[in-house]
Amino acid sequence: MVKLTNLAHELIEKQQSINIAVDMTVGWGNDTLFLALHARKVYGFDIQDEALAFTRSLLSMNAIDNVELIKADHQFLDSYIKEPIDLVIYNLGYLPESDKIVRTNSSSTIASLKKAVHMINQNGLIIIVVYPDDLNEANEVKTFVSGLDSNFDVLQYSILNKTKCPFLITIKKGSFLPFCFLSKCVIRSNFHNFCIYIERKIANLLIIYNYLTISYTS
């Protein structure tokens, strides 16, 4: 069984030189702790005292001192963060084993995403774990990310042979290097093929010219 939180952490590990990272949904602090081990500074948002208290204790037990926990809705991130961001993670839904009434919603999630895509650096990464039990939020997120311009690469990781499974979305600012390299290779390949085509046409014309010349002189 694929665990999307593990996949999210693998993607974080592949991201190079993380200076500023943001956990938009602190919860029990697992993502916050993981980010703290890979970034210079981490900001963590949550609106529940229980989640923040537990995470603060978790960070203390692991001797982590590069995290700033903030009791606020993540849509107000620009009021607390004044520097460019390298990585953002959302784990939408509700706090596991707690009151399911308190959960993320499409309004604040989209509001924060609109700000996050402008605050991340070139080559910055946004990771969103989405749960389809809130169909409205899931659809709103998919609609928003699908409408981002070509300066962003948006990918979705999902389990196709199972229903009602969570899925993961990544937003990468700037084009992936392999894509750029591939584009250049295609251009070069097409130009090479064009040159071969012209050479063959010239060779055919020379054959015809020589044939006509021989026929005329004889």
N, C-alpha and C. Protein backbone atom coordinates (compact mmCIF):
# COMPACT_ATOMS: atom_id res chain seq x y z
N MET A 1 0.84 -1.20 0.00
CA MET A 1 0.00 0.00 0.00
C MET A 1 0.88 1.25 0.00
N VAL A 2 0.63 2.13 -0.93
CA VAL A 2 1.41 3.36 -1.04
C VAL A 2 0.98 4.34 0.05
N LYS A 3 1.93 4.85 0.82
CA LYS A 3 1.64 5.86 1.83
C LYS A 3 2.13 7.20 1.30
N LEU A 4 1.18 8.10 1.06
CA LEU A 4 1.53 9.36 0.40
C LEU A 4 2.42 10.25 1.25
N THR A 5 2.33 10.13 2.56
CA THR A 5 3.22 10.94 3.41
C THR A 5 4.67 10.53 3.20
N ASN A 6 4.90 9.22 3.00
CA ASN A 6 6.26 8.75 2.72
C ASN A 6 6.74 9.28 1.37
N LEU A 7 5.84 9.28 0.39
CA LEU A 7 6.18 9.81 -0.92
C LEU A 7 6.50 11.30 -0.83
N ALA A 8 5.72 12.01 -0.04
CA ALA A 8 5.98 13.45 0.15
C ALA A 8 7.37 13.67 0.75
N HIS A 9 7.73 12.85 1.70
CA HIS A 9 9.05 12.99 2.33
C HIS A 9 10.17 12.65 1.36
N GLU A 10 9.94 11.68 0.49
CA GLU A 10 10.94 11.36 -0.53
C GLU A 10 11.15 12.55 -1.47
N LEU A 11 10.07 13.23 -1.81
CA LEU A 11 10.18 14.40 -2.68
C LEU A 11 10.92 15.54 -1.99
N ILE A 12 10.69 15.67 -0.69
CA ILE A 12 11.39 16.70 0.08
C ILE A 12 12.89 16.41 0.10
N GLU A 13 13.24 15.15 0.29
CA GLU A 13 14.65 14.78 0.34
C GLU A 13 15.37 15.07 -0.98
N LYS A 14 14.64 15.02 -2.09
CA LYS A 14 15.24 15.26 -3.40
C LYS A 14 15.38 16.75 -3.71
N GLN A 15 14.67 17.57 -2.94
CA GLN A 15 14.74 19.01 -3.15
C GLN A 15 16.03 19.55 -2.56
N GLN A 16 16.80 20.26 -3.36
CA GLN A 16 18.12 20.71 -2.92
C GLN A 16 18.08 22.10 -2.30
N SER A 17 18.94 22.32 -1.33
CA SER A 17 19.16 23.64 -0.71
C SER A 17 17.85 24.29 -0.25
N ILE A 18 17.21 23.65 0.74
CA ILE A 18 15.97 24.21 1.30
C ILE A 18 16.34 25.20 2.39
N ASN A 19 16.12 26.46 2.13
CA ASN A 19 16.41 27.50 3.11
C ASN A 19 15.19 27.72 4.01
N ILE A 20 14.09 28.11 3.39
CA ILE A 20 12.85 28.35 4.12
C ILE A 20 11.78 27.34 3.69
N ALA A 21 11.19 26.65 4.66
CA ALA A 21 10.11 25.69 4.38
C ALA A 21 8.91 26.04 5.25
N VAL A 22 7.73 25.68 4.75
CA VAL A 22 6.50 25.98 5.47
C VAL A 22 5.62 24.74 5.54
N ASP A 23 5.20 24.38 6.75
CA ASP A 23 4.20 23.34 6.94
C ASP A 23 2.87 24.06 7.18
N MET A 24 1.99 23.99 6.20
CA MET A 24 0.72 24.72 6.27
C MET A 24 -0.29 24.06 7.20
N THR A 25 -0.06 22.79 7.54
CA THR A 25 -1.00 22.04 8.38
C THR A 25 -0.19 21.20 9.36
N VAL A 26 0.21 21.79 10.46
CA VAL A 26 1.14 21.14 11.38
C VAL A 26 0.63 19.80 11.91
N GLY A 27 -0.62 19.76 12.38
CA GLY A 27 -1.16 18.51 12.92
C GLY A 27 -0.33 17.97 14.06
N TRP A 28 0.01 16.67 13.98
CA TRP A 28 0.81 16.05 15.04
C TRP A 28 2.31 16.28 14.85
N GLY A 29 2.69 17.07 13.86
CA GLY A 29 4.08 17.52 13.75
C GLY A 29 5.03 16.64 12.98
N ASN A 30 4.53 15.56 12.37
CA ASN A 30 5.44 14.66 11.65
C ASN A 30 6.11 15.33 10.46
N ASP A 31 5.34 16.05 9.66
CA ASP A 31 5.92 16.76 8.53
C ASP A 31 6.80 17.91 9.00
N THR A 32 6.38 18.57 10.06
CA THR A 32 7.15 19.70 10.61
C THR A 32 8.54 19.24 11.04
N LEU A 33 8.57 18.12 11.76
CA LEU A 33 9.85 17.57 12.21
C LEU A 33 10.72 17.17 11.03
N PHE A 34 10.12 16.54 10.03
CA PHE A 34 10.89 16.10 8.86
C PHE A 34 11.46 17.31 8.12
N LEU A 35 10.65 18.35 7.96
CA LEU A 35 11.14 19.57 7.30
C LEU A 35 12.29 20.19 8.08
N ALA A 36 12.18 20.17 9.41
CA ALA A 36 13.21 20.79 10.24
C ALA A 36 14.58 20.13 10.06
N LEU A 37 14.55 18.85 9.68
CA LEU A 37 15.81 18.12 9.47
C LEU A 37 16.41 18.41 8.10
N HIS A 38 15.65 19.08 7.22
CA HIS A 38 16.12 19.31 5.86
C HIS A 38 16.15 20.78 5.45
N ALA A 39 15.70 21.67 6.32
CA ALA A 39 15.66 23.09 5.99
C ALA A 39 16.36 23.92 7.07
N ARG A 40 16.80 25.11 6.67
CA ARG A 40 17.43 26.00 7.65
C ARG A 40 16.42 26.54 8.64
N LYS A 41 15.23 26.92 8.11
CA LYS A 41 14.18 27.50 8.96
C LYS A 41 12.82 26.97 8.49
N VAL A 42 11.96 26.63 9.46
CA VAL A 42 10.63 26.11 9.15
C VAL A 42 9.58 26.95 9.87
N TYR A 43 8.53 27.29 9.13
CA TYR A 43 7.34 27.92 9.72
C TYR A 43 6.22 26.89 9.71
N GLY A 44 5.50 26.76 10.83
CA GLY A 44 4.40 25.81 10.89
C GLY A 44 3.11 26.47 11.32
N PHE A 45 2.03 26.24 10.57
CA PHE A 45 0.73 26.84 10.86
C PHE A 45 -0.28 25.80 11.31
N ASP A 46 -1.06 26.15 12.32
CA ASP A 46 -2.21 25.35 12.73
C ASP A 46 -3.10 26.23 13.60
N ILE A 47 -4.38 25.88 13.65
CA ILE A 47 -5.32 26.69 14.44
C ILE A 47 -5.73 25.98 15.73
N GLN A 48 -5.20 24.77 15.97
CA GLN A 48 -5.59 23.99 17.13
C GLN A 48 -4.49 23.96 18.18
N ASP A 49 -4.84 24.34 19.40
CA ASP A 49 -3.87 24.36 20.49
C ASP A 49 -3.30 22.98 20.75
N GLU A 50 -4.13 21.96 20.66
CA GLU A 50 -3.70 20.58 20.91
C GLU A 50 -2.57 20.18 19.95
N ALA A 51 -2.75 20.51 18.68
CA ALA A 51 -1.75 20.15 17.67
C ALA A 51 -0.45 20.90 17.91
N LEU A 52 -0.54 22.17 18.19
CA LEU A 52 0.68 22.97 18.39
C LEU A 52 1.43 22.55 19.64
N ALA A 53 0.69 22.23 20.72
CA ALA A 53 1.34 21.80 21.96
C ALA A 53 2.06 20.47 21.77
N PHE A 54 1.40 19.53 21.10
CA PHE A 54 2.02 18.23 20.84
C PHE A 54 3.27 18.38 19.97
N THR A 55 3.17 19.19 18.93
CA THR A 55 4.30 19.39 18.01
C THR A 55 5.45 20.08 18.72
N ARG A 56 5.13 21.05 19.56
CA ARG A 56 6.18 21.74 20.31
C ARG A 56 6.95 20.76 21.19
N SER A 57 6.23 19.83 21.80
CA SER A 57 6.87 18.80 22.63
C SER A 57 7.70 17.85 21.78
N LEU A 58 7.18 17.48 20.61
CA LEU A 58 7.90 16.58 19.70
C LEU A 58 9.21 17.20 19.24
N LEU A 59 9.16 18.47 18.91
CA LEU A 59 10.37 19.16 18.46
C LEU A 59 11.39 19.28 19.59
N SER A 60 10.91 19.53 20.79
CA SER A 60 11.80 19.65 21.95
C SER A 60 12.50 18.32 22.24
N MET A 61 11.75 17.21 22.15
CA MET A 61 12.33 15.89 22.41
C MET A 61 13.41 15.55 21.39
N ASN A 62 13.30 16.14 20.19
CA ASN A 62 14.29 15.87 19.15
C ASN A 62 15.32 16.99 19.02
N ALA A 63 15.36 17.86 20.01
CA ALA A 63 16.34 18.96 20.06
C ALA A 63 16.30 19.82 18.80
N ILE A 64 15.10 20.10 18.32
CA ILE A 64 14.92 20.93 17.13
C ILE A 64 14.66 22.37 17.55
N ASP A 65 15.43 23.30 17.00
CA ASP A 65 15.27 24.70 17.40
C ASP A 65 15.14 25.65 16.20
N ASN A 66 14.85 25.10 15.02
CA ASN A 66 14.76 25.95 13.83
C ASN A 66 13.33 26.03 13.30
N VAL A 67 12.34 25.84 14.21
CA VAL A 67 10.94 25.88 13.80
C VAL A 67 10.20 26.97 14.56
N GLU A 68 9.42 27.73 13.81
CA GLU A 68 8.53 28.74 14.42
C GLU A 68 7.09 28.29 14.21
N LEU A 69 6.43 27.91 15.32
CA LEU A 69 5.04 27.48 15.25
C LEU A 69 4.12 28.69 15.40
N ILE A 70 3.10 28.73 14.55
CA ILE A 70 2.22 29.89 14.50
C ILE A 70 0.77 29.44 14.61
N LYS A 71 0.06 29.99 15.58
CA LYS A 71 -1.37 29.68 15.70
C LYS A 71 -2.14 30.68 14.82
N ALA A 72 -2.40 30.25 13.60
CA ALA A 72 -3.11 31.11 12.64
C ALA A 72 -3.54 30.26 11.46
N ASP A 73 -4.55 30.74 10.77
CA ASP A 73 -4.98 30.10 9.53
C ASP A 73 -3.89 30.30 8.49
N HIS A 74 -3.58 29.24 7.71
CA HIS A 74 -2.48 29.34 6.74
C HIS A 74 -2.74 30.34 5.62
N GLN A 75 -3.97 30.80 5.47
CA GLN A 75 -4.22 31.80 4.43
C GLN A 75 -3.57 33.14 4.75
N PHE A 76 -3.12 33.31 6.00
CA PHE A 76 -2.48 34.56 6.41
C PHE A 76 -0.96 34.42 6.46
N LEU A 77 -0.41 33.47 5.72
CA LEU A 77 1.03 33.22 5.78
C LEU A 77 1.87 34.45 5.47
N ASP A 78 1.39 35.31 4.57
CA ASP A 78 2.18 36.48 4.19
C ASP A 78 2.26 37.52 5.31
N SER A 79 1.45 37.38 6.35
CA SER A 79 1.53 38.28 7.50
C SER A 79 2.66 37.88 8.45
N TYR A 80 3.13 36.62 8.31
CA TYR A 80 4.15 36.10 9.21
C TYR A 80 5.48 35.81 8.51
N ILE A 81 5.43 35.57 7.22
CA ILE A 81 6.64 35.22 6.48
C ILE A 81 6.97 36.33 5.49
N LYS A 82 8.13 36.89 5.63
CA LYS A 82 8.53 38.03 4.79
C LYS A 82 9.72 37.69 3.90
N GLU A 83 10.02 36.43 3.72
CA GLU A 83 11.15 36.01 2.91
C GLU A 83 10.70 34.95 1.91
N PRO A 84 11.41 34.82 0.80
CA PRO A 84 11.04 33.82 -0.21
C PRO A 84 11.09 32.40 0.36
N ILE A 85 10.21 31.56 -0.16
CA ILE A 85 10.05 30.20 0.36
C ILE A 85 10.58 29.19 -0.67
N ASP A 86 11.20 28.13 -0.16
CA ASP A 86 11.72 27.07 -1.04
C ASP A 86 10.81 25.86 -1.11
N LEU A 87 10.09 25.58 -0.03
CA LEU A 87 9.24 24.39 -0.02
C LEU A 87 8.03 24.60 0.88
N VAL A 88 6.89 24.13 0.40
CA VAL A 88 5.63 24.22 1.15
C VAL A 88 4.96 22.85 1.13
N ILE A 89 4.39 22.45 2.26
CA ILE A 89 3.63 21.20 2.28
C ILE A 89 2.28 21.40 2.95
N TYR A 90 1.25 20.81 2.37
CA TYR A 90 -0.10 20.77 2.94
C TYR A 90 -0.48 19.30 3.13
N ASN A 91 -1.06 18.98 4.27
CA ASN A 91 -1.69 17.68 4.47
C ASN A 91 -3.12 18.00 4.88
N LEU A 92 -3.99 18.06 3.89
CA LEU A 92 -5.34 18.57 4.11
C LEU A 92 -6.19 17.61 4.93
N GLY A 93 -7.38 18.08 5.32
CA GLY A 93 -8.28 17.24 6.09
C GLY A 93 -8.33 17.67 7.55
N TYR A 94 -8.47 16.68 8.44
CA TYR A 94 -8.61 16.96 9.87
C TYR A 94 -7.47 16.31 10.65
N LEU A 95 -7.34 16.72 11.90
CA LEU A 95 -6.31 16.16 12.77
C LEU A 95 -6.70 14.73 13.14
N PRO A 96 -5.88 13.74 12.78
CA PRO A 96 -6.23 12.34 13.08
C PRO A 96 -6.52 12.11 14.57
N GLU A 97 -7.52 11.29 14.84
CA GLU A 97 -7.90 10.94 16.20
C GLU A 97 -8.36 12.15 17.01
N SER A 98 -9.00 13.10 16.32
CA SER A 98 -9.51 14.28 17.01
C SER A 98 -10.87 14.65 16.43
N ASP A 99 -11.35 15.81 16.77
CA ASP A 99 -12.65 16.28 16.30
C ASP A 99 -12.60 16.52 14.79
N LYS A 100 -13.38 15.76 14.04
CA LYS A 100 -13.36 15.88 12.58
C LYS A 100 -14.06 17.14 12.08
N ILE A 101 -14.74 17.83 13.00
CA ILE A 101 -15.43 19.07 12.60
C ILE A 101 -14.41 20.15 12.24
N VAL A 102 -13.31 20.17 12.97
CA VAL A 102 -12.24 21.14 12.69
C VAL A 102 -11.36 20.55 11.61
N ARG A 103 -11.40 21.13 10.44
CA ARG A 103 -10.64 20.62 9.31
C ARG A 103 -10.35 21.75 8.32
N THR A 104 -9.46 21.47 7.37
CA THR A 104 -9.18 22.47 6.34
C THR A 104 -10.41 22.63 5.46
N ASN A 105 -10.48 23.77 4.79
CA ASN A 105 -11.61 24.00 3.89
C ASN A 105 -11.12 24.68 2.62
N SER A 106 -11.91 24.58 1.58
CA SER A 106 -11.48 25.06 0.26
C SER A 106 -11.19 26.55 0.25
N SER A 107 -11.94 27.32 1.01
CA SER A 107 -11.76 28.78 1.01
C SER A 107 -10.37 29.19 1.48
N SER A 108 -9.97 28.72 2.67
CA SER A 108 -8.66 29.11 3.19
C SER A 108 -7.52 28.41 2.47
N THR A 109 -7.76 27.17 2.02
CA THR A 109 -6.72 26.44 1.29
C THR A 109 -6.38 27.14 -0.02
N ILE A 110 -7.39 27.51 -0.78
CA ILE A 110 -7.15 28.19 -2.06
C ILE A 110 -6.54 29.57 -1.83
N ALA A 111 -7.00 30.26 -0.79
CA ALA A 111 -6.45 31.59 -0.48
C ALA A 111 -4.96 31.49 -0.17
N SER A 112 -4.57 30.46 0.59
CA SER A 112 -3.15 30.30 0.92
C SER A 112 -2.34 29.85 -0.28
N LEU A 113 -2.92 28.98 -1.11
CA LEU A 113 -2.22 28.53 -2.32
C LEU A 113 -1.94 29.69 -3.27
N LYS A 114 -2.90 30.60 -3.39
CA LYS A 114 -2.72 31.76 -4.27
C LYS A 114 -1.52 32.59 -3.83
N LYS A 115 -1.32 32.68 -2.53
CA LYS A 115 -0.17 33.43 -2.01
C LYS A 115 1.11 32.61 -2.10
N ALA A 116 1.00 31.31 -1.82
CA ALA A 116 2.19 30.45 -1.81
C ALA A 116 2.86 30.38 -3.17
N VAL A 117 2.08 30.29 -4.25
CA VAL A 117 2.68 30.17 -5.58
C VAL A 117 3.47 31.42 -5.97
N HIS A 118 3.14 32.55 -5.35
CA HIS A 118 3.87 33.79 -5.63
C HIS A 118 5.05 33.98 -4.68
N MET A 119 5.02 33.29 -3.55
CA MET A 119 6.06 33.47 -2.55
C MET A 119 7.20 32.47 -2.68
N ILE A 120 7.02 31.39 -3.43
CA ILE A 120 8.10 30.41 -3.56
C ILE A 120 9.13 30.87 -4.59
N ASN A 121 10.36 30.48 -4.34
CA ASN A 121 11.47 30.78 -5.24
C ASN A 121 11.36 30.01 -6.55
N GLN A 122 12.15 30.43 -7.53
CA GLN A 122 12.30 29.63 -8.74
C GLN A 122 12.83 28.26 -8.35
N ASN A 123 12.25 27.23 -8.90
CA ASN A 123 12.55 25.83 -8.56
C ASN A 123 12.01 25.42 -7.19
N GLY A 124 11.20 26.29 -6.59
CA GLY A 124 10.54 25.95 -5.34
C GLY A 124 9.47 24.90 -5.56
N LEU A 125 9.10 24.20 -4.48
CA LEU A 125 8.17 23.07 -4.59
C LEU A 125 7.05 23.20 -3.57
N ILE A 126 5.82 22.95 -4.03
CA ILE A 126 4.65 22.88 -3.16
C ILE A 126 4.09 21.46 -3.25
N ILE A 127 3.88 20.83 -2.09
CA ILE A 127 3.34 19.48 -2.02
C ILE A 127 2.00 19.54 -1.31
N ILE A 128 0.98 18.91 -1.90
CA ILE A 128 -0.36 18.92 -1.31
C ILE A 128 -0.89 17.49 -1.25
N VAL A 129 -1.17 17.01 -0.05
CA VAL A 129 -1.84 15.73 0.11
C VAL A 129 -3.33 16.01 0.26
N VAL A 130 -4.13 15.47 -0.66
CA VAL A 130 -5.56 15.79 -0.73
C VAL A 130 -6.39 14.55 -0.42
N TYR A 131 -7.44 14.75 0.37
CA TYR A 131 -8.33 13.65 0.74
C TYR A 131 -9.71 13.87 0.10
N PRO A 132 -10.19 12.89 -0.66
CA PRO A 132 -11.44 13.06 -1.40
C PRO A 132 -12.70 12.99 -0.54
N ASP A 133 -12.57 12.78 0.79
CA ASP A 133 -13.76 12.76 1.62
C ASP A 133 -14.41 14.14 1.66
N ASP A 134 -13.59 15.19 1.45
CA ASP A 134 -14.15 16.53 1.24
C ASP A 134 -14.04 16.81 -0.25
N LEU A 135 -15.06 16.40 -0.97
CA LEU A 135 -15.02 16.47 -2.43
C LEU A 135 -14.92 17.91 -2.93
N ASN A 136 -15.55 18.83 -2.22
CA ASN A 136 -15.51 20.23 -2.64
C ASN A 136 -14.09 20.77 -2.57
N GLU A 137 -13.39 20.53 -1.45
CA GLU A 137 -12.02 21.01 -1.32
C GLU A 137 -11.11 20.35 -2.35
N ALA A 138 -11.27 19.03 -2.54
CA ALA A 138 -10.44 18.31 -3.51
C ALA A 138 -10.63 18.88 -4.92
N ASN A 139 -11.87 19.12 -5.30
CA ASN A 139 -12.14 19.66 -6.64
C ASN A 139 -11.64 21.09 -6.80
N GLU A 140 -11.79 21.89 -5.74
CA GLU A 140 -11.32 23.28 -5.80
C GLU A 140 -9.80 23.33 -5.96
N VAL A 141 -9.11 22.47 -5.24
CA VAL A 141 -7.64 22.43 -5.34
C VAL A 141 -7.22 22.02 -6.75
N LYS A 142 -7.84 20.97 -7.28
CA LYS A 142 -7.50 20.50 -8.63
C LYS A 142 -7.79 21.57 -9.68
N THR A 143 -8.90 22.27 -9.52
CA THR A 143 -9.24 23.33 -10.48
C THR A 143 -8.22 24.45 -10.43
N PHE A 144 -7.82 24.83 -9.20
CA PHE A 144 -6.85 25.93 -9.06
C PHE A 144 -5.50 25.57 -9.67
N VAL A 145 -4.96 24.41 -9.31
CA VAL A 145 -3.62 24.06 -9.80
C VAL A 145 -3.62 23.80 -11.30
N SER A 146 -4.75 23.33 -11.83
CA SER A 146 -4.83 23.09 -13.27
C SER A 146 -4.81 24.39 -14.07
N GLY A 147 -5.17 25.48 -13.42
CA GLY A 147 -5.22 26.76 -14.10
C GLY A 147 -3.94 27.58 -13.99
N LEU A 148 -2.92 27.03 -13.32
CA LEU A 148 -1.65 27.77 -13.20
C LEU A 148 -0.97 27.88 -14.57
N ASP A 149 -0.23 28.96 -14.78
CA ASP A 149 0.39 29.18 -16.09
C ASP A 149 1.61 28.28 -16.29
N SER A 150 2.23 28.41 -17.45
CA SER A 150 3.30 27.50 -17.85
C SER A 150 4.60 27.71 -17.08
N ASN A 151 4.64 28.68 -16.19
CA ASN A 151 5.81 28.85 -15.34
C ASN A 151 5.84 27.80 -14.22
N PHE A 152 4.75 27.04 -14.12
CA PHE A 152 4.66 25.98 -13.11
C PHE A 152 4.45 24.63 -13.78
N ASP A 153 5.03 23.60 -13.17
CA ASP A 153 4.78 22.22 -13.58
C ASP A 153 3.96 21.56 -12.49
N VAL A 154 2.77 21.09 -12.83
CA VAL A 154 1.86 20.50 -11.85
C VAL A 154 1.70 19.00 -12.14
N LEU A 155 1.98 18.18 -11.13
CA LEU A 155 1.85 16.73 -11.27
C LEU A 155 0.88 16.20 -10.23
N GLN A 156 0.18 15.11 -10.57
CA GLN A 156 -0.70 14.45 -9.61
C GLN A 156 -0.30 12.98 -9.49
N TYR A 157 -0.13 12.53 -8.25
CA TYR A 157 0.17 11.13 -7.97
C TYR A 157 -1.08 10.52 -7.33
N SER A 158 -1.65 9.49 -7.98
CA SER A 158 -2.86 8.88 -7.45
C SER A 158 -2.86 7.38 -7.70
N ILE A 159 -3.65 6.66 -6.92
CA ILE A 159 -3.80 5.22 -7.08
C ILE A 159 -5.03 4.97 -7.95
N LEU A 160 -4.82 4.50 -9.15
CA LEU A 160 -5.90 4.42 -10.14
C LEU A 160 -6.85 3.25 -9.92
N ASN A 161 -6.37 2.20 -9.29
CA ASN A 161 -7.21 1.00 -9.17
C ASN A 161 -7.93 0.89 -7.83
N LYS A 162 -7.97 2.01 -7.08
CA LYS A 162 -8.70 2.03 -5.81
C LYS A 162 -9.50 3.33 -5.72
N THR A 163 -10.70 3.21 -5.16
CA THR A 163 -11.57 4.38 -5.08
C THR A 163 -11.42 5.09 -3.74
N LYS A 164 -11.71 6.38 -3.76
CA LYS A 164 -11.72 7.22 -2.56
C LYS A 164 -10.38 7.22 -1.83
N CYS A 165 -9.31 7.08 -2.58
CA CYS A 165 -7.97 7.15 -1.99
C CYS A 165 -7.45 8.58 -2.04
N PRO A 166 -6.66 9.00 -1.06
CA PRO A 166 -6.04 10.32 -1.14
C PRO A 166 -5.08 10.37 -2.33
N PHE A 167 -4.78 11.57 -2.77
CA PHE A 167 -3.81 11.74 -3.85
C PHE A 167 -2.89 12.90 -3.52
N LEU A 168 -1.78 12.94 -4.21
CA LEU A 168 -0.75 13.95 -3.94
C LEU A 168 -0.53 14.81 -5.17
N ILE A 169 -0.46 16.10 -4.95
CA ILE A 169 -0.20 17.06 -6.04
C ILE A 169 1.10 17.79 -5.73
N THR A 170 1.94 17.95 -6.75
CA THR A 170 3.14 18.77 -6.60
C THR A 170 3.09 19.93 -7.59
N ILE A 171 3.54 21.07 -7.13
CA ILE A 171 3.65 22.26 -7.98
C ILE A 171 5.11 22.69 -7.95
N LYS A 172 5.75 22.62 -9.08
CA LYS A 172 7.16 23.01 -9.20
C LYS A 172 7.24 24.32 -9.97
N LYS A 173 7.87 25.32 -9.38
CA LYS A 173 8.00 26.60 -10.06
C LYS A 173 9.22 26.57 -10.96
N GLY A 174 9.01 26.82 -12.25
CA GLY A 174 10.09 26.73 -13.21
C GLY A 174 10.06 25.38 -13.89
N SER A 175 10.62 25.30 -15.10
CA SER A 175 10.59 24.05 -15.87
C SER A 175 11.62 23.08 -15.34
N PHE A 176 11.29 21.79 -15.42
CA PHE A 176 12.26 20.76 -15.06
C PHE A 176 13.39 20.73 -16.07
N LEU A 177 14.62 20.55 -15.62
CA LEU A 177 15.78 20.49 -16.50
C LEU A 177 15.66 19.40 -17.56
N PRO A 178 15.20 18.18 -17.19
CA PRO A 178 15.09 17.14 -18.22
C PRO A 178 14.19 17.55 -19.37
N PHE A 179 13.12 18.30 -19.06
CA PHE A 179 12.21 18.74 -20.11
C PHE A 179 12.92 19.71 -21.04
N CYS A 180 13.67 20.65 -20.44
CA CYS A 180 14.41 21.63 -21.25
C CYS A 180 15.43 20.92 -22.13
N PHE A 181 16.14 19.95 -21.54
CA PHE A 181 17.15 19.22 -22.30
C PHE A 181 16.51 18.46 -23.44
N LEU A 182 15.35 17.84 -23.14
CA LEU A 182 14.64 17.08 -24.17
C LEU A 182 14.20 17.99 -25.30
N SER A 183 13.71 19.18 -24.95
CA SER A 183 13.27 20.12 -25.97
C SER A 183 14.41 20.49 -26.91
N LYS A 184 15.59 20.75 -26.32
CA LYS A 184 16.75 21.10 -27.14
C LYS A 184 17.15 19.94 -28.05
N CYS A 185 17.06 18.73 -27.50
CA CYS A 185 17.42 17.55 -28.31
C CYS A 185 16.45 17.40 -29.48
N VAL A 186 15.18 17.65 -29.23
CA VAL A 186 14.18 17.54 -30.30
C VAL A 186 14.46 18.55 -31.39
N ILE A 187 14.77 19.80 -30.96
CA ILE A 187 15.06 20.84 -31.94
C ILE A 187 16.28 20.47 -32.78
N ARG A 188 17.33 20.00 -32.10
CA ARG A 188 18.55 19.62 -32.81
C ARG A 188 18.28 18.45 -33.75
N SER A 189 17.49 17.48 -33.27
CA SER A 189 17.17 16.32 -34.09
C SER A 189 16.40 16.72 -35.34
N ASN A 190 15.42 17.60 -35.16
CA ASN A 190 14.63 18.05 -36.31
C ASN A 190 15.50 18.79 -37.32
N PHE A 191 16.43 19.62 -36.83
CA PHE A 191 17.32 20.35 -37.72
C PHE A 191 18.23 19.40 -38.49
N HIS A 192 18.71 18.36 -37.76
CA HIS A 192 19.58 17.37 -38.40
C HIS A 192 18.82 16.64 -39.51
N ASN A 193 17.58 16.26 -39.21
CA ASN A 193 16.76 15.57 -40.22
C ASN A 193 16.48 16.47 -41.42
N PHE A 194 16.28 17.75 -41.16
CA PHE A 194 16.04 18.71 -42.24
C PHE A 194 17.26 18.81 -43.16
N CYS A 195 18.46 18.83 -42.56
CA CYS A 195 19.69 18.91 -43.36
C CYS A 195 19.84 17.67 -44.25
N ILE A 196 19.53 16.50 -43.67
CA ILE A 196 19.60 15.26 -44.45
C ILE A 196 18.62 15.32 -45.62
N TYR A 197 17.43 15.83 -45.37
CA TYR A 197 16.41 15.95 -46.41
C TYR A 197 16.89 16.85 -47.55
N ILE A 198 17.49 17.98 -47.22
CA ILE A 198 17.99 18.92 -48.23
C ILE A 198 19.11 18.28 -49.04
N GLU A 199 20.02 17.59 -48.35
CA GLU A 199 21.13 16.94 -49.04
C GLU A 199 20.62 15.91 -50.06
N ARG A 200 19.62 15.16 -49.67
CA ARG A 200 19.07 14.16 -50.58
C ARG A 200 18.39 14.81 -51.78
N LYS A 201 17.69 15.92 -51.53
CA LYS A 201 17.04 16.64 -52.62
C LYS A 201 18.07 17.18 -53.61
N ILE A 202 19.16 17.72 -53.08
CA ILE A 202 20.23 18.25 -53.94
C ILE A 202 20.85 17.13 -54.75
N ALA A 203 21.08 15.97 -54.09
CA ALA A 203 21.67 14.83 -54.79
C ALA A 203 20.76 14.37 -55.92
N ASN A 204 19.46 14.34 -55.67
CA ASN A 204 18.51 13.94 -56.71
C ASN A 204 18.50 14.93 -57.87
N LEU A 205 18.58 16.21 -57.56
CA LEU A 205 18.61 17.24 -58.60
C LEU A 205 19.87 17.12 -59.44
N LEU A 206 21.00 16.80 -58.81
CA LEU A 206 22.26 16.64 -59.55
C LEU A 206 22.19 15.44 -60.49
N ILE A 207 21.54 14.37 -60.01
CA ILE A 207 21.39 13.19 -60.87
C ILE A 207 20.56 13.55 -62.10
N ILE A 208 19.47 14.26 -61.88
CA ILE A 208 18.60 14.67 -63.00
C ILE A 208 19.35 15.61 -63.94
N TYR A 209 20.11 16.54 -63.35
CA TYR A 209 20.86 17.50 -64.16
C TYR A 209 21.89 16.77 -65.01
N ASN A 210 22.62 15.83 -64.42
CA ASN A 210 23.62 15.07 -65.17
C ASN A 210 22.98 14.25 -66.28
N TYR A 211 21.84 13.67 -65.99
CA TYR A 211 21.14 12.86 -66.99
C TYR A 211 20.70 13.72 -68.16
N LEU A 212 20.14 14.89 -67.84
CA LEU A 212 19.69 15.79 -68.91
C LEU A 212 20.86 16.31 -69.73
N THR A 213 21.98 16.57 -69.08
CA THR A 213 23.16 17.08 -69.77
C THR A 213 23.70 16.04 -70.74
N ILE A 214 23.78 14.79 -70.26
CA ILE A 214 24.27 13.70 -71.11
C ILE A 214 23.34 13.50 -72.30
N SER A 215 22.05 13.51 -72.03
CA SER A 215 21.06 13.31 -73.10
C SER A 215 21.14 14.42 -74.13
N TYR A 216 21.34 15.66 -73.69
CA TYR A 216 21.36 16.79 -74.61
C TYR A 216 22.61 16.76 -75.47
N THR A 217 23.76 16.42 -74.90
CA THR A 217 25.03 16.42 -75.67
C THR A 217 25.10 15.26 -76.65
N SER A 218 24.40 14.17 -76.29
CA SER A 218 24.44 13.02 -77.18
C SER A 218 23.43 13.19 -78.32
